Amino acid sequence: MKIILTLLMAFIAFPAIAAEDTSMSKNQLKIVESKYICMVNDSVFDKEQISVPVGDKTYYGCCSMCEERLKNDEAIRSAIDPVSGNSVDKAEAVIAVDSSNNVYYFESEETMKNYVFNNTQEQKIKQMPMDHSSHGKMDHSGHDMSEDSVAVMGKGVVHSIDAENNKLNLTHEPIPALKWPEMTMDLAVAEGVDLSTLKPEQDIHFHVELGEDKVYRITKIMTPEAGHGDHQH
């Protein structure tokens, strides 16, 4: 009787265990072989994509147009590591996807692990409620936050530079870790970050951190065209 009861309990528990193993939490990343990635659209597929040899490296695209772009456009063959800010060759990168099939390129498994760790920590950050329904000019310099600071990666376009007051006006892409949608805003910049080479309408990648005074500031700026060149404090 005891054996039958044990088997019955194991049978009942098994589906729950299987579901847990096959599910992928919001903060997890799964490494994917490069042949399943269209490196132009940065999309993942369940079948092998078209291989595109360029020199001694192999890239992958989903169609003939992507194949031509990979052959002729050097910029499309590289990406920015979201942790280090360094430029990485897509043919040599550690490629991973999240639960929403967003594709990430890392220079190493170490930076990928750091990304997962940072995202886990960022989920603990508590924000005051804000109305982000409009994309008008906003200022995030005064968020009331209570957790320790972690660097969060963002991408955007600079509109104006106020070097005297250490501020940038920019339109940034959504930053899920901070629950910020795409918007145009003024963002404070940390002391020591060089703004002298920035120009209006320039694309940038940046790190933003929460200071002890509960103000978000840009602490590092990377320009994609400069590869891993950066301006940091």
Protein backbone atom coordinates (compact mmCIF):
# COMPACT_ATOMS: atom_id res chain seq x y z
CA MET A 1 0.00 0.00 0.00
CA LYS A 2 2.83 2.40 0.88
CA ILE A 3 4.56 1.68 -2.45
CA ILE A 4 1.36 2.34 -4.41
CA LEU A 5 0.81 5.62 -2.56
CA THR A 6 4.39 6.73 -3.28
CA LEU A 7 4.02 5.94 -7.00
CA LEU A 8 0.71 7.77 -7.13
CA MET A 9 2.22 10.90 -5.55
CA ALA A 10 5.17 10.80 -7.96
CA PHE A 11 2.79 10.49 -10.91
CA ILE A 12 0.78 13.50 -9.75
CA ALA A 13 3.91 15.59 -9.18
CA PHE A 14 5.58 14.72 -12.49
CA PRO A 15 3.63 17.12 -14.78
CA ALA A 16 4.41 20.06 -12.49
CA ILE A 17 8.12 19.19 -12.50
CA ALA A 18 8.14 18.81 -16.29
CA ALA A 19 6.39 22.15 -16.73
CA GLU A 20 8.97 23.85 -14.53
CA ASP A 21 11.86 22.35 -16.48
CA THR A 22 10.49 23.39 -19.88
CA SER A 23 9.48 26.91 -18.87
CA MET A 24 11.85 29.82 -19.24
CA SER A 25 11.65 32.61 -16.70
CA LYS A 26 11.71 36.26 -17.67
CA ASN A 27 15.32 36.74 -16.59
CA GLN A 28 16.77 33.60 -18.16
CA LEU A 29 18.68 33.43 -21.42
CA LYS A 30 19.19 30.40 -23.63
CA ILE A 31 22.30 30.06 -25.81
CA VAL A 32 21.39 29.41 -29.46
CA GLU A 33 23.61 28.18 -32.29
CA SER A 34 24.32 30.94 -34.77
CA LYS A 35 22.85 28.96 -37.68
CA TYR A 36 19.37 29.48 -36.26
CA ILE A 37 19.72 33.28 -36.20
CA CYS A 38 19.02 35.79 -38.95
CA MET A 39 21.85 38.19 -38.20
CA VAL A 40 20.24 41.02 -40.17
CA ASN A 41 16.85 41.03 -38.45
CA ASP A 42 18.30 39.59 -35.21
CA SER A 43 15.57 36.97 -35.12
CA VAL A 44 15.65 33.33 -34.03
CA PHE A 45 14.17 30.51 -36.13
CA ASP A 46 13.52 26.81 -35.57
CA LYS A 47 15.31 25.86 -38.79
CA GLU A 48 18.80 26.49 -40.10
CA GLN A 49 19.24 29.77 -41.96
CA ILE A 50 21.19 30.58 -45.13
CA SER A 51 24.93 30.47 -44.46
CA VAL A 52 26.85 33.49 -45.72
CA PRO A 53 30.65 33.05 -45.82
CA VAL A 54 32.58 36.32 -45.56
CA GLY A 55 36.32 35.76 -45.48
CA ASP A 56 37.00 33.02 -42.96
CA LYS A 57 33.78 33.67 -41.01
CA THR A 58 30.21 32.47 -41.50
CA TYR A 59 27.11 34.56 -40.93
CA TYR A 60 23.45 33.62 -41.35
CA GLY A 61 20.45 35.30 -42.95
CA CYS A 62 16.83 34.36 -43.55
CA CYS A 63 16.53 35.40 -47.22
CA SER A 64 18.48 36.49 -50.28
CA MET A 65 18.22 40.17 -49.29
CA CYS A 66 19.72 39.43 -45.89
CA GLU A 67 22.41 37.38 -47.58
CA GLU A 68 23.39 40.36 -49.75
CA ARG A 69 23.40 42.74 -46.78
CA LEU A 70 25.67 40.47 -44.78
CA LYS A 71 28.08 40.24 -47.71
CA ASN A 72 28.21 43.96 -48.39
CA ASP A 73 27.48 45.76 -45.11
CA GLU A 74 30.22 45.36 -42.53
CA ALA A 75 28.20 47.21 -39.86
CA ILE A 76 25.37 44.67 -39.95
CA ARG A 77 27.87 41.92 -39.11
CA SER A 78 28.62 43.38 -35.68
CA ALA A 79 26.62 44.12 -32.51
CA ILE A 80 27.13 45.72 -29.10
CA ASP A 81 27.54 43.52 -26.04
CA PRO A 82 24.80 44.89 -23.72
CA VAL A 83 27.02 44.45 -20.65
CA SER A 84 30.51 45.52 -21.68
CA GLY A 85 29.45 47.94 -24.41
CA ASN A 86 32.12 46.43 -26.68
CA SER A 87 31.57 45.76 -30.36
CA VAL A 88 31.37 42.02 -31.11
CA ASP A 89 31.48 40.16 -34.40
CA LYS A 90 28.21 38.25 -34.78
CA ALA A 91 30.04 35.26 -36.25
CA GLU A 92 32.13 34.96 -33.07
CA ALA A 93 29.61 36.09 -30.46
CA VAL A 94 27.88 34.04 -27.79
CA ILE A 95 24.27 34.34 -28.99
CA ALA A 96 21.35 33.98 -26.60
CA VAL A 97 17.59 34.55 -26.62
CA ASP A 98 15.16 35.38 -23.84
CA SER A 99 11.62 34.11 -23.24
CA SER A 100 10.29 36.63 -25.79
CA ASN A 101 12.82 35.48 -28.43
CA ASN A 102 14.79 38.72 -28.27
CA VAL A 103 18.32 38.05 -29.55
CA TYR A 104 21.45 39.16 -27.67
CA TYR A 105 25.10 39.02 -28.75
CA PHE A 106 27.78 38.69 -26.05
CA GLU A 107 31.56 38.70 -26.30
CA SER A 108 31.74 35.85 -23.78
CA GLU A 109 29.62 33.61 -21.59
CA GLU A 110 30.85 35.66 -18.66
CA THR A 111 29.19 38.85 -19.88
CA MET A 112 26.05 36.85 -20.64
CA LYS A 113 25.97 35.60 -17.02
CA ASN A 114 26.49 39.17 -15.81
CA TYR A 115 23.55 40.29 -17.93
CA VAL A 116 21.28 37.65 -16.36
CA PHE A 117 22.49 38.58 -12.87
CA ASN A 118 21.97 42.30 -13.48
CA ASN A 119 18.48 41.73 -14.85
CA THR A 120 17.58 39.65 -11.82
CA GLN A 121 18.75 42.44 -9.54
CA GLU A 122 17.00 45.10 -11.58
CA GLN A 123 13.65 43.38 -11.10
CA LYS A 124 13.99 44.18 -7.40
CA ILE A 125 14.16 47.91 -8.01
CA LYS A 126 11.01 49.68 -6.84
CA GLN A 127 9.74 52.69 -8.74
CA MET A 128 7.21 55.29 -7.84
CA PRO A 129 4.15 55.12 -10.16
CA MET A 130 4.54 57.32 -13.21
CA ASP A 131 2.33 58.06 -16.19
CA HIS A 132 4.34 57.08 -19.28
CA SER A 133 1.35 57.13 -21.62
CA SER A 134 2.76 60.00 -23.68
CA HIS A 135 6.10 60.25 -25.42
CA GLY A 136 6.54 63.93 -24.74
CA LYS A 137 9.58 65.51 -23.17
CA MET A 138 10.06 64.09 -19.66
CA ASP A 139 12.66 64.30 -16.91
CA HIS A 140 13.62 61.15 -14.97
CA SER A 141 16.13 62.91 -12.73
CA GLY A 142 13.96 62.65 -9.62
CA HIS A 143 12.68 59.08 -9.38
CA ASP A 144 12.12 57.96 -5.80
CA MET A 145 13.98 54.66 -5.68
CA SER A 146 15.02 52.51 -2.77
CA GLU A 147 17.33 49.76 -4.01
CA ASP A 148 21.07 49.60 -4.63
CA SER A 149 22.29 50.81 -8.01
CA VAL A 150 23.02 48.51 -10.93
CA ALA A 151 24.09 49.56 -14.43
CA VAL A 152 21.34 49.20 -17.00
CA MET A 153 22.00 49.28 -20.75
CA GLY A 154 19.99 51.60 -22.99
CA LYS A 155 19.97 52.74 -26.61
CA GLY A 156 18.80 56.05 -27.99
CA VAL A 157 19.25 59.11 -30.19
CA VAL A 158 20.70 62.33 -28.77
CA HIS A 159 18.76 65.50 -29.56
CA SER A 160 20.62 68.12 -27.53
CA ILE A 161 23.60 68.30 -25.19
CA ASP A 162 23.66 70.52 -22.10
CA ALA A 163 27.27 70.09 -21.00
CA GLU A 164 27.05 72.94 -18.51
CA ASN A 165 24.31 71.20 -16.52
CA ASN A 166 25.40 67.63 -17.32
CA LYS A 167 22.21 66.66 -19.14
CA LEU A 168 21.22 65.06 -22.42
CA ASN A 169 17.89 65.29 -24.15
CA LEU A 170 17.35 62.04 -26.02
CA THR A 171 14.79 59.57 -27.27
CA HIS A 172 15.57 56.15 -25.83
CA GLU A 173 14.26 52.74 -26.81
CA PRO A 174 12.23 50.80 -24.21
CA ILE A 175 14.27 49.81 -21.14
CA PRO A 176 12.35 46.80 -19.76
CA ALA A 177 14.52 46.44 -16.66
CA LEU A 178 13.38 49.88 -15.47
CA LYS A 179 9.87 49.57 -16.95
CA TRP A 180 10.56 52.63 -19.10
CA PRO A 181 8.78 52.68 -22.48
CA GLU A 182 10.24 54.47 -25.48
CA MET A 183 10.18 58.20 -24.84
CA THR A 184 11.89 61.56 -25.26
CA MET A 185 13.34 62.86 -22.02
CA ASP A 186 16.08 64.81 -20.24
CA LEU A 187 18.51 62.49 -18.50
CA ALA A 188 21.23 63.58 -16.08
CA VAL A 189 24.84 62.65 -16.84
CA ALA A 190 27.40 61.72 -14.17
CA GLU A 191 30.39 63.96 -13.51
CA GLY A 192 33.39 62.97 -15.61
CA VAL A 193 31.45 61.59 -18.59
CA ASP A 194 32.83 63.36 -21.67
CA LEU A 195 30.06 64.98 -23.73
CA SER A 196 32.36 67.01 -25.98
CA THR A 197 32.29 64.62 -28.94
CA LEU A 198 28.51 64.04 -28.97
CA LYS A 199 26.40 65.59 -31.70
CA PRO A 200 22.65 66.10 -32.10
CA GLU A 201 20.82 63.18 -33.76
CA GLN A 202 23.68 60.80 -32.91
CA ASP A 203 22.92 57.18 -32.01
CA ILE A 204 24.36 56.07 -28.67
CA HIS A 205 24.38 53.13 -26.29
CA PHE A 206 24.59 54.08 -22.63
CA HIS A 207 24.66 52.76 -19.09
CA VAL A 208 22.31 54.39 -16.61
CA GLU A 209 22.61 53.96 -12.85
CA LEU A 210 20.71 55.10 -9.80
CA GLY A 211 22.79 57.30 -7.50
CA GLU A 212 22.72 57.52 -3.73
CA ASP A 213 20.60 60.67 -4.14
CA LYS A 214 17.96 58.56 -5.94
CA VAL A 215 18.65 60.24 -9.29
CA TYR A 216 19.23 58.26 -12.48
CA ARG A 217 22.36 59.32 -14.36
CA ILE A 218 24.16 58.16 -17.47
CA THR A 219 27.50 56.76 -16.32
CA LYS A 220 28.87 55.47 -19.62
CA ILE A 221 28.30 56.35 -23.28
CA MET A 222 29.24 54.21 -26.27
CA THR A 223 28.85 55.24 -29.90
CA PRO A 224 28.19 52.23 -32.20
CA GLU A 225 30.36 53.63 -34.98
CA ALA A 226 33.29 53.81 -32.57
CA GLY A 227 33.05 50.14 -31.61
CA HIS A 228 34.14 49.85 -28.00
CA GLY A 229 35.23 53.44 -27.70
CA ASP A 230 33.39 55.12 -24.86
CA HIS A 231 33.02 58.11 -22.58
CA GLN A 232 32.81 57.09 -18.96
CA HIS A 233 33.31 58.37 -15.46
